[in-house]
């Protein structure tokens, strides 16, 4: 999970670096050749895109830095943590739900992925199989019993076995 995310982020960094160092300078040069820069929309658009790309690169590098600092040994093997997939049962309705805990700053959430910083993520964090997580909502408190737990370590073991 973490390595896949690093790979995806590195790919985006490379694409944006190319745009910043090759594509945008060419667009700016062409816009300058058109003449009056005060009323040159192509020039302004290229400069705005350049600012956006620089900001996005800063965000990506910060995120890669945080990913590099993650010590998988600090993530519990028997409790809900980063990368855990959890099957819970609502104690009132008996409905079963599956969630996967991911980073809060993730830009693309898949179905049933929840941020560790979200209310449900905070309620589940640190729970073991058989424990009940109390999810406080504005109108009620849900009690979610952890039925199954698959940690990030289980996923890594499966990948290594293939």
N, C-alpha and C. Protein backbone atom coordinates (compact mmCIF):
# COMPACT_ATOMS: atom_id res chain seq x y z
N UNK A 1 0.82 -1.19 0.00
CA UNK A 1 0.00 0.00 0.00
C UNK A 1 0.87 1.26 0.00
N UNK A 2 1.83 1.31 0.91
CA UNK A 2 2.69 2.49 1.00
C UNK A 2 3.59 2.59 -0.21
N UNK A 3 4.14 1.45 -0.65
CA UNK A 3 5.04 1.47 -1.82
C UNK A 3 4.28 1.86 -3.08
N UNK A 4 3.04 1.39 -3.22
CA UNK A 4 2.23 1.76 -4.38
C UNK A 4 1.98 3.27 -4.38
N UNK A 5 1.69 3.81 -3.21
CA UNK A 5 1.44 5.24 -3.10
C UNK A 5 2.70 6.03 -3.43
N UNK A 6 3.86 5.57 -2.93
CA UNK A 6 5.12 6.24 -3.25
C UNK A 6 5.38 6.24 -4.75
N UNK A 7 5.14 5.10 -5.39
CA UNK A 7 5.36 4.98 -6.83
C UNK A 7 4.47 5.95 -7.59
N UNK A 8 3.19 6.01 -7.21
CA UNK A 8 2.26 6.91 -7.87
C UNK A 8 2.67 8.37 -7.69
N UNK A 9 3.09 8.72 -6.47
CA UNK A 9 3.50 10.10 -6.20
C UNK A 9 4.78 10.46 -6.95
N UNK A 10 5.74 9.52 -7.00
CA UNK A 10 6.99 9.76 -7.76
C UNK A 10 6.68 9.98 -9.24
N UNK A 11 5.74 9.22 -9.77
CA UNK A 11 5.36 9.38 -11.16
C UNK A 11 4.77 10.77 -11.40
N UNK A 12 3.91 11.22 -10.50
CA UNK A 12 3.33 12.55 -10.64
C UNK A 12 4.40 13.63 -10.53
N UNK A 13 5.36 13.44 -9.62
CA UNK A 13 6.45 14.40 -9.47
C UNK A 13 7.24 14.50 -10.77
N UNK A 14 7.56 13.36 -11.37
CA UNK A 14 8.32 13.38 -12.63
C UNK A 14 7.55 14.11 -13.73
N UNK A 15 6.26 13.84 -13.83
CA UNK A 15 5.43 14.50 -14.85
C UNK A 15 5.41 16.01 -14.64
N UNK A 16 5.20 16.43 -13.40
CA UNK A 16 5.15 17.86 -13.10
C UNK A 16 6.52 18.53 -13.27
N UNK A 17 7.59 17.81 -12.94
CA UNK A 17 8.94 18.35 -13.13
C UNK A 17 9.19 18.62 -14.60
N UNK A 18 8.78 17.68 -15.45
CA UNK A 18 8.93 17.87 -16.90
C UNK A 18 8.12 19.08 -17.36
N UNK A 19 6.89 19.18 -16.88
CA UNK A 19 6.07 20.33 -17.26
C UNK A 19 6.70 21.64 -16.81
N UNK A 20 7.22 21.66 -15.59
CA UNK A 20 7.82 22.87 -15.04
C UNK A 20 9.11 23.26 -15.77
N UNK A 21 9.92 22.28 -16.12
CA UNK A 21 11.24 22.56 -16.70
C UNK A 21 11.25 22.62 -18.22
N UNK A 22 10.26 22.01 -18.89
CA UNK A 22 10.29 21.96 -20.35
C UNK A 22 9.06 22.63 -20.97
N UNK A 23 7.90 22.16 -20.61
CA UNK A 23 6.67 22.62 -21.26
C UNK A 23 6.37 24.08 -20.96
N UNK A 24 6.31 24.43 -19.69
CA UNK A 24 5.94 25.80 -19.32
C UNK A 24 6.94 26.86 -19.80
N UNK A 25 8.25 26.62 -19.70
CA UNK A 25 9.18 27.63 -20.26
C UNK A 25 8.95 27.87 -21.75
N UNK A 26 8.62 26.80 -22.49
CA UNK A 26 8.33 26.97 -23.92
C UNK A 26 7.06 27.80 -24.13
N UNK A 27 6.03 27.53 -23.32
CA UNK A 27 4.79 28.30 -23.43
C UNK A 27 5.02 29.76 -23.07
N UNK A 28 5.80 30.01 -22.04
CA UNK A 28 6.11 31.39 -21.64
C UNK A 28 6.90 32.10 -22.73
N UNK A 29 7.89 31.41 -23.30
CA UNK A 29 8.69 32.00 -24.38
C UNK A 29 7.82 32.36 -25.58
N UNK A 30 6.92 31.46 -25.96
CA UNK A 30 6.01 31.73 -27.09
C UNK A 30 5.10 32.91 -26.78
N UNK A 31 4.62 32.98 -25.54
CA UNK A 31 3.73 34.10 -25.16
C UNK A 31 4.48 35.42 -25.18
N UNK A 32 5.73 35.42 -24.75
CA UNK A 32 6.54 36.65 -24.75
C UNK A 32 6.75 37.12 -26.19
N UNK A 33 6.93 36.18 -27.09
CA UNK A 33 7.14 36.53 -28.50
C UNK A 33 5.91 37.21 -29.12
N UNK A 34 4.74 36.97 -28.50
CA UNK A 34 3.51 37.58 -29.03
C UNK A 34 3.42 39.08 -28.76
N UNK A 35 4.25 39.57 -27.84
CA UNK A 35 4.27 41.01 -27.63
C UNK A 35 3.81 41.44 -26.26
N UNK A 36 2.99 42.48 -26.18
CA UNK A 36 2.56 43.15 -24.96
C UNK A 36 2.12 42.15 -23.88
N UNK A 37 2.89 42.06 -22.79
CA UNK A 37 2.62 41.09 -21.74
C UNK A 37 1.49 41.52 -20.81
N UNK A 38 1.15 42.81 -20.80
CA UNK A 38 0.08 43.29 -19.90
C UNK A 38 -1.27 42.72 -20.29
N UNK A 39 -1.48 42.47 -21.56
CA UNK A 39 -2.77 41.97 -22.02
C UNK A 39 -2.63 40.62 -22.72
N UNK A 40 -1.64 39.87 -22.33
CA UNK A 40 -1.36 38.59 -22.96
C UNK A 40 -1.89 37.46 -22.07
N UNK A 41 -3.05 36.92 -22.43
CA UNK A 41 -3.69 35.90 -21.60
C UNK A 41 -2.88 34.60 -21.60
N UNK A 42 -2.22 34.26 -22.69
CA UNK A 42 -1.41 33.04 -22.74
C UNK A 42 -0.26 33.13 -21.74
N UNK A 43 0.35 34.31 -21.67
CA UNK A 43 1.45 34.53 -20.73
C UNK A 43 0.97 34.40 -19.29
N UNK A 44 -0.15 35.07 -18.99
CA UNK A 44 -0.70 35.00 -17.63
C UNK A 44 -1.10 33.58 -17.26
N UNK A 45 -1.71 32.87 -18.20
CA UNK A 45 -2.12 31.48 -17.93
C UNK A 45 -0.90 30.59 -17.67
N UNK A 46 0.15 30.78 -18.43
CA UNK A 46 1.37 29.98 -18.24
C UNK A 46 2.01 30.27 -16.89
N UNK A 47 2.03 31.56 -16.50
CA UNK A 47 2.60 31.90 -15.18
C UNK A 47 1.75 31.33 -14.04
N UNK A 48 0.42 31.39 -14.19
CA UNK A 48 -0.45 30.81 -13.16
C UNK A 48 -0.25 29.31 -13.06
N UNK A 49 -0.15 28.64 -14.20
CA UNK A 49 0.08 27.19 -14.20
C UNK A 49 1.44 26.88 -13.56
N UNK A 50 2.43 27.71 -13.83
CA UNK A 50 3.75 27.52 -13.24
C UNK A 50 3.68 27.60 -11.71
N UNK A 51 2.94 28.57 -11.20
CA UNK A 51 2.77 28.69 -9.75
C UNK A 51 2.05 27.47 -9.17
N UNK A 52 1.00 27.02 -9.87
CA UNK A 52 0.27 25.84 -9.41
C UNK A 52 1.17 24.60 -9.38
N UNK A 53 1.94 24.39 -10.44
CA UNK A 53 2.82 23.23 -10.52
C UNK A 53 3.86 23.26 -9.40
N UNK A 54 4.43 24.43 -9.14
CA UNK A 54 5.41 24.54 -8.04
C UNK A 54 4.77 24.21 -6.70
N UNK A 55 3.57 24.71 -6.47
CA UNK A 55 2.87 24.42 -5.21
C UNK A 55 2.56 22.93 -5.09
N UNK A 56 2.09 22.33 -6.16
CA UNK A 56 1.76 20.90 -6.15
C UNK A 56 3.01 20.07 -5.92
N UNK A 57 4.12 20.45 -6.54
CA UNK A 57 5.37 19.73 -6.31
C UNK A 57 5.78 19.81 -4.84
N UNK A 58 5.60 20.96 -4.23
CA UNK A 58 5.90 21.11 -2.81
C UNK A 58 5.05 20.18 -1.97
N UNK A 59 3.76 20.09 -2.28
CA UNK A 59 2.86 19.19 -1.54
C UNK A 59 3.29 17.74 -1.71
N UNK A 60 3.60 17.35 -2.95
CA UNK A 60 4.00 15.96 -3.21
C UNK A 60 5.30 15.60 -2.50
N UNK A 61 6.25 16.51 -2.52
CA UNK A 61 7.52 16.23 -1.84
C UNK A 61 7.34 16.11 -0.33
N UNK A 62 6.47 16.95 0.23
CA UNK A 62 6.16 16.87 1.66
C UNK A 62 5.52 15.52 1.98
N UNK A 63 4.60 15.11 1.14
CA UNK A 63 3.91 13.83 1.37
C UNK A 63 4.88 12.67 1.24
N UNK A 64 5.76 12.70 0.25
CA UNK A 64 6.77 11.65 0.09
C UNK A 64 7.71 11.62 1.29
N UNK A 65 8.03 12.76 1.82
CA UNK A 65 8.87 12.84 3.01
C UNK A 65 8.19 12.17 4.20
N UNK A 66 6.90 12.44 4.36
CA UNK A 66 6.16 11.81 5.47
C UNK A 66 6.04 10.31 5.27
N UNK A 67 5.85 9.87 4.02
CA UNK A 67 5.78 8.43 3.74
C UNK A 67 7.10 7.74 4.06
N UNK A 68 8.19 8.40 3.73
CA UNK A 68 9.51 7.82 4.01
C UNK A 68 9.77 7.69 5.50
N UNK A 69 9.12 8.54 6.29
CA UNK A 69 9.34 8.53 7.73
C UNK A 69 8.50 7.48 8.46
N UNK A 70 7.59 6.82 7.74
CA UNK A 70 6.74 5.82 8.38
C UNK A 70 7.56 4.58 8.72
N UNK A 71 7.49 4.19 9.95
CA UNK A 71 8.15 2.98 10.41
C UNK A 71 7.08 1.90 10.56
N UNK A 72 7.09 0.94 9.65
CA UNK A 72 6.07 -0.11 9.68
C UNK A 72 6.11 -0.92 10.97
N UNK A 73 7.25 -0.91 11.64
CA UNK A 73 7.34 -1.62 12.91
C UNK A 73 6.51 -0.95 14.00
N UNK A 74 6.17 0.32 13.79
CA UNK A 74 5.36 1.05 14.76
C UNK A 74 3.86 0.82 14.55
N UNK A 75 3.49 0.24 13.42
CA UNK A 75 2.08 -0.05 13.15
C UNK A 75 1.77 -1.42 13.75
N UNK A 76 0.77 -1.48 14.64
CA UNK A 76 0.47 -2.75 15.30
C UNK A 76 0.02 -3.83 14.32
N UNK A 77 0.34 -5.08 14.66
CA UNK A 77 -0.04 -6.21 13.81
C UNK A 77 -1.38 -6.81 14.22
N UNK A 78 -1.90 -6.40 15.39
CA UNK A 78 -3.14 -6.99 15.89
C UNK A 78 -4.22 -5.97 16.21
N UNK A 79 -3.99 -4.72 15.82
CA UNK A 79 -4.95 -3.65 16.08
C UNK A 79 -5.14 -2.83 14.80
N UNK A 80 -6.26 -2.15 14.73
CA UNK A 80 -6.55 -1.31 13.56
C UNK A 80 -5.55 -0.16 13.49
N UNK A 81 -4.94 0.01 12.33
CA UNK A 81 -3.99 1.09 12.11
C UNK A 81 -3.96 1.43 10.63
N UNK A 82 -2.98 2.20 10.22
CA UNK A 82 -2.83 2.60 8.82
C UNK A 82 -2.83 1.36 7.92
N UNK A 83 -3.66 1.39 6.89
CA UNK A 83 -3.69 0.30 5.92
C UNK A 83 -4.54 -0.88 6.32
N UNK A 84 -5.13 -0.83 7.51
CA UNK A 84 -5.97 -1.95 7.96
C UNK A 84 -7.28 -1.98 7.21
N UNK A 85 -7.73 -3.19 6.93
CA UNK A 85 -9.07 -3.41 6.38
C UNK A 85 -9.87 -4.06 7.50
N UNK A 86 -11.00 -3.47 7.82
CA UNK A 86 -11.76 -3.88 9.00
C UNK A 86 -13.21 -4.19 8.61
N UNK A 87 -13.70 -5.34 9.06
CA UNK A 87 -15.11 -5.67 8.91
C UNK A 87 -15.75 -5.43 10.27
N UNK A 88 -16.78 -4.57 10.29
CA UNK A 88 -17.46 -4.26 11.54
C UNK A 88 -18.94 -4.59 11.40
N UNK A 89 -19.57 -4.79 12.56
CA UNK A 89 -21.01 -5.04 12.59
C UNK A 89 -21.66 -4.02 13.50
N UNK A 90 -22.65 -3.32 12.97
CA UNK A 90 -23.41 -2.36 13.78
C UNK A 90 -24.21 -3.17 14.79
N UNK A 91 -24.03 -2.88 16.06
CA UNK A 91 -24.66 -3.67 17.12
C UNK A 91 -26.18 -3.48 17.17
N UNK A 92 -26.67 -2.41 16.60
CA UNK A 92 -28.11 -2.17 16.60
C UNK A 92 -28.80 -2.80 15.39
N UNK A 93 -28.25 -2.57 14.21
CA UNK A 93 -28.90 -3.03 12.97
C UNK A 93 -28.36 -4.37 12.48
N UNK A 94 -27.24 -4.81 13.01
CA UNK A 94 -26.55 -6.04 12.60
C UNK A 94 -26.01 -5.96 11.17
N UNK A 95 -25.97 -4.77 10.62
CA UNK A 95 -25.41 -4.58 9.27
C UNK A 95 -23.89 -4.66 9.35
N UNK A 96 -23.31 -5.31 8.35
CA UNK A 96 -21.85 -5.42 8.28
C UNK A 96 -21.31 -4.44 7.26
N UNK A 97 -20.19 -3.83 7.61
CA UNK A 97 -19.53 -2.86 6.74
C UNK A 97 -18.04 -3.14 6.76
N UNK A 98 -17.38 -2.83 5.65
CA UNK A 98 -15.94 -3.00 5.56
C UNK A 98 -15.31 -1.64 5.27
N UNK A 99 -14.25 -1.33 6.01
CA UNK A 99 -13.53 -0.06 5.83
C UNK A 99 -12.04 -0.33 5.72
N UNK A 100 -11.36 0.51 4.97
CA UNK A 100 -9.90 0.48 4.90
C UNK A 100 -9.40 1.84 5.34
N UNK A 101 -8.50 1.86 6.32
CA UNK A 101 -7.98 3.12 6.84
C UNK A 101 -6.80 3.59 6.00
N UNK A 102 -6.89 4.85 5.56
CA UNK A 102 -5.84 5.44 4.74
C UNK A 102 -5.45 6.80 5.31
N UNK A 103 -4.46 7.44 4.69
CA UNK A 103 -4.03 8.77 5.11
C UNK A 103 -5.14 9.78 4.93
N UNK A 104 -5.17 10.77 5.79
CA UNK A 104 -6.18 11.81 5.72
C UNK A 104 -6.00 12.75 4.55
N UNK A 105 -4.78 12.86 4.03
CA UNK A 105 -4.55 13.78 2.93
C UNK A 105 -4.60 13.11 1.57
N UNK A 106 -5.13 11.89 1.53
CA UNK A 106 -5.27 11.20 0.26
C UNK A 106 -6.22 11.97 -0.65
N UNK A 107 -5.89 12.06 -1.92
CA UNK A 107 -6.69 12.85 -2.84
C UNK A 107 -7.78 12.02 -3.52
N UNK A 108 -7.56 10.73 -3.62
CA UNK A 108 -8.52 9.87 -4.30
C UNK A 108 -8.94 8.76 -3.34
N UNK A 109 -10.17 8.83 -2.90
CA UNK A 109 -10.70 7.80 -2.02
C UNK A 109 -11.47 6.79 -2.85
N UNK A 110 -11.22 5.51 -2.61
CA UNK A 110 -12.01 4.46 -3.23
C UNK A 110 -13.20 4.16 -2.33
N UNK A 111 -14.08 3.33 -2.82
CA UNK A 111 -15.25 2.94 -2.05
C UNK A 111 -14.82 2.27 -0.75
N UNK A 112 -15.38 2.69 0.33
CA UNK A 112 -15.15 2.15 1.68
C UNK A 112 -13.79 2.48 2.26
N UNK A 113 -13.06 3.40 1.68
CA UNK A 113 -11.84 3.87 2.29
C UNK A 113 -12.19 5.05 3.19
N UNK A 114 -11.60 5.07 4.37
CA UNK A 114 -11.84 6.18 5.30
C UNK A 114 -10.51 6.70 5.80
N UNK A 115 -10.47 7.97 6.02
CA UNK A 115 -9.28 8.61 6.56
C UNK A 115 -9.13 8.24 8.03
N UNK A 116 -7.89 8.11 8.46
CA UNK A 116 -7.66 7.82 9.88
C UNK A 116 -8.09 8.99 10.74
N UNK A 117 -8.17 10.19 10.15
CA UNK A 117 -8.57 11.38 10.89
C UNK A 117 -10.08 11.59 10.90
N UNK A 118 -10.83 10.80 10.11
CA UNK A 118 -12.28 10.94 10.07
C UNK A 118 -12.88 10.39 11.36
N UNK A 119 -14.13 10.72 11.65
CA UNK A 119 -14.75 10.20 12.87
C UNK A 119 -14.74 8.66 12.95
N UNK A 120 -15.06 8.00 11.85
CA UNK A 120 -15.06 6.53 11.90
C UNK A 120 -13.63 5.99 12.00
N UNK A 121 -12.69 6.65 11.34
CA UNK A 121 -11.29 6.23 11.43
C UNK A 121 -10.76 6.36 12.85
N UNK A 122 -11.07 7.49 13.50
CA UNK A 122 -10.63 7.69 14.89
C UNK A 122 -11.29 6.69 15.84
N UNK A 123 -12.55 6.35 15.58
CA UNK A 123 -13.25 5.39 16.43
C UNK A 123 -12.65 3.99 16.30
N UNK A 124 -12.24 3.62 15.11
CA UNK A 124 -11.70 2.27 14.87
C UNK A 124 -10.23 2.13 15.23
N UNK A 125 -9.48 3.21 15.16
CA UNK A 125 -8.04 3.17 15.39
C UNK A 125 -7.70 2.53 16.74
N UNK A 126 -6.84 1.54 16.71
CA UNK A 126 -6.37 0.89 17.92
C UNK A 126 -7.27 -0.24 18.43
N UNK A 127 -8.36 -0.52 17.74
CA UNK A 127 -9.27 -1.59 18.18
C UNK A 127 -8.78 -2.93 17.67
N UNK A 128 -9.10 -3.99 18.44
CA UNK A 128 -8.77 -5.36 18.07
C UNK A 128 -10.05 -6.10 17.73
N UNK A 129 -9.90 -7.30 17.17
CA UNK A 129 -11.07 -8.13 16.87
C UNK A 129 -11.83 -8.40 18.17
N UNK A 130 -13.15 -8.22 18.11
CA UNK A 130 -14.01 -8.43 19.27
C UNK A 130 -14.33 -7.17 20.05
N UNK A 131 -13.52 -6.12 19.86
CA UNK A 131 -13.76 -4.87 20.57
C UNK A 131 -14.85 -4.06 19.88
N UNK A 132 -15.46 -3.17 20.64
CA UNK A 132 -16.51 -2.31 20.11
C UNK A 132 -15.98 -0.89 20.01
N UNK A 133 -16.17 -0.30 18.83
CA UNK A 133 -15.81 1.09 18.59
C UNK A 133 -17.08 1.92 18.72
N UNK A 134 -16.98 3.02 19.44
CA UNK A 134 -18.12 3.91 19.62
C UNK A 134 -17.95 5.09 18.68
N UNK A 135 -18.86 5.18 17.71
CA UNK A 135 -18.83 6.24 16.71
C UNK A 135 -19.89 7.26 17.08
N UNK A 136 -19.44 8.41 17.58
CA UNK A 136 -20.38 9.45 18.02
C UNK A 136 -20.80 10.30 16.83
N UNK A 137 -22.10 10.29 16.57
CA UNK A 137 -22.69 11.08 15.50
C UNK A 137 -23.56 12.15 16.14
N UNK A 138 -23.94 13.18 15.40
CA UNK A 138 -24.75 14.26 15.99
C UNK A 138 -26.06 13.77 16.62
N UNK A 139 -26.69 12.77 16.02
CA UNK A 139 -28.00 12.33 16.53
C UNK A 139 -27.96 11.06 17.35
N UNK A 140 -26.83 10.35 17.31
CA UNK A 140 -26.76 9.08 18.03
C UNK A 140 -25.31 8.62 18.14
N UNK A 141 -25.10 7.54 18.85
CA UNK A 141 -23.79 6.90 18.93
C UNK A 141 -23.94 5.48 18.38
N UNK A 142 -23.16 5.20 17.34
CA UNK A 142 -23.18 3.84 16.77
C UNK A 142 -22.15 3.00 17.49
N UNK A 143 -22.49 1.74 17.71
CA UNK A 143 -21.56 0.79 18.30
C UNK A 143 -21.19 -0.21 17.20
N UNK A 144 -19.92 -0.22 16.86
CA UNK A 144 -19.44 -1.07 15.78
C UNK A 144 -18.48 -2.10 16.35
N UNK A 145 -18.85 -3.36 16.25
CA UNK A 145 -18.01 -4.44 16.75
C UNK A 145 -17.06 -4.88 15.64
N UNK A 146 -15.77 -4.96 15.96
CA UNK A 146 -14.77 -5.39 14.99
C UNK A 146 -14.85 -6.91 14.87
N UNK A 147 -15.23 -7.38 13.68
CA UNK A 147 -15.36 -8.82 13.44
C UNK A 147 -14.12 -9.41 12.79
N UNK A 148 -13.57 -8.69 11.83
CA UNK A 148 -12.38 -9.16 11.12
C UNK A 148 -11.40 -8.00 10.97
N UNK A 149 -10.13 -8.34 10.99
CA UNK A 149 -9.09 -7.33 10.86
C UNK A 149 -7.98 -7.87 9.98
N UNK A 150 -7.63 -7.09 9.00
CA UNK A 150 -6.51 -7.42 8.11
C UNK A 150 -5.61 -6.19 8.11
N UNK A 151 -4.43 -6.31 8.69
CA UNK A 151 -3.53 -5.16 8.82
C UNK A 151 -2.66 -4.99 7.58
N UNK A 152 -1.94 -3.89 7.53
CA UNK A 152 -1.03 -3.62 6.43
C UNK A 152 0.04 -4.71 6.35
N UNK A 153 0.39 -5.30 7.48
CA UNK A 153 1.40 -6.36 7.52
C UNK A 153 0.89 -7.61 6.80
N UNK A 154 -0.42 -7.91 6.95
CA UNK A 154 -1.00 -9.07 6.25
C UNK A 154 -0.91 -8.87 4.75
N UNK A 155 -1.20 -7.66 4.29
CA UNK A 155 -1.14 -7.36 2.87
C UNK A 155 0.27 -7.49 2.32
N UNK A 156 1.26 -7.09 3.11
CA UNK A 156 2.66 -7.20 2.69
C UNK A 156 3.08 -8.66 2.62
N UNK A 157 2.60 -9.48 3.56
CA UNK A 157 2.94 -10.91 3.56
C UNK A 157 2.35 -11.58 2.32
N UNK A 158 1.13 -11.20 1.93
CA UNK A 158 0.50 -11.76 0.75
C UNK A 158 1.27 -11.39 -0.51
N UNK A 159 1.71 -10.12 -0.59
CA UNK A 159 2.47 -9.64 -1.74
C UNK A 159 3.79 -10.37 -1.83
N UNK A 160 4.46 -10.60 -0.70
CA UNK A 160 5.74 -11.28 -0.68
C UNK A 160 5.60 -12.75 -1.08
N UNK A 161 4.45 -13.35 -0.77
CA UNK A 161 4.22 -14.76 -1.08
C UNK A 161 3.99 -14.99 -2.58
N UNK A 162 3.57 -13.96 -3.30
CA UNK A 162 3.26 -14.12 -4.73
C UNK A 162 4.48 -14.20 -5.57
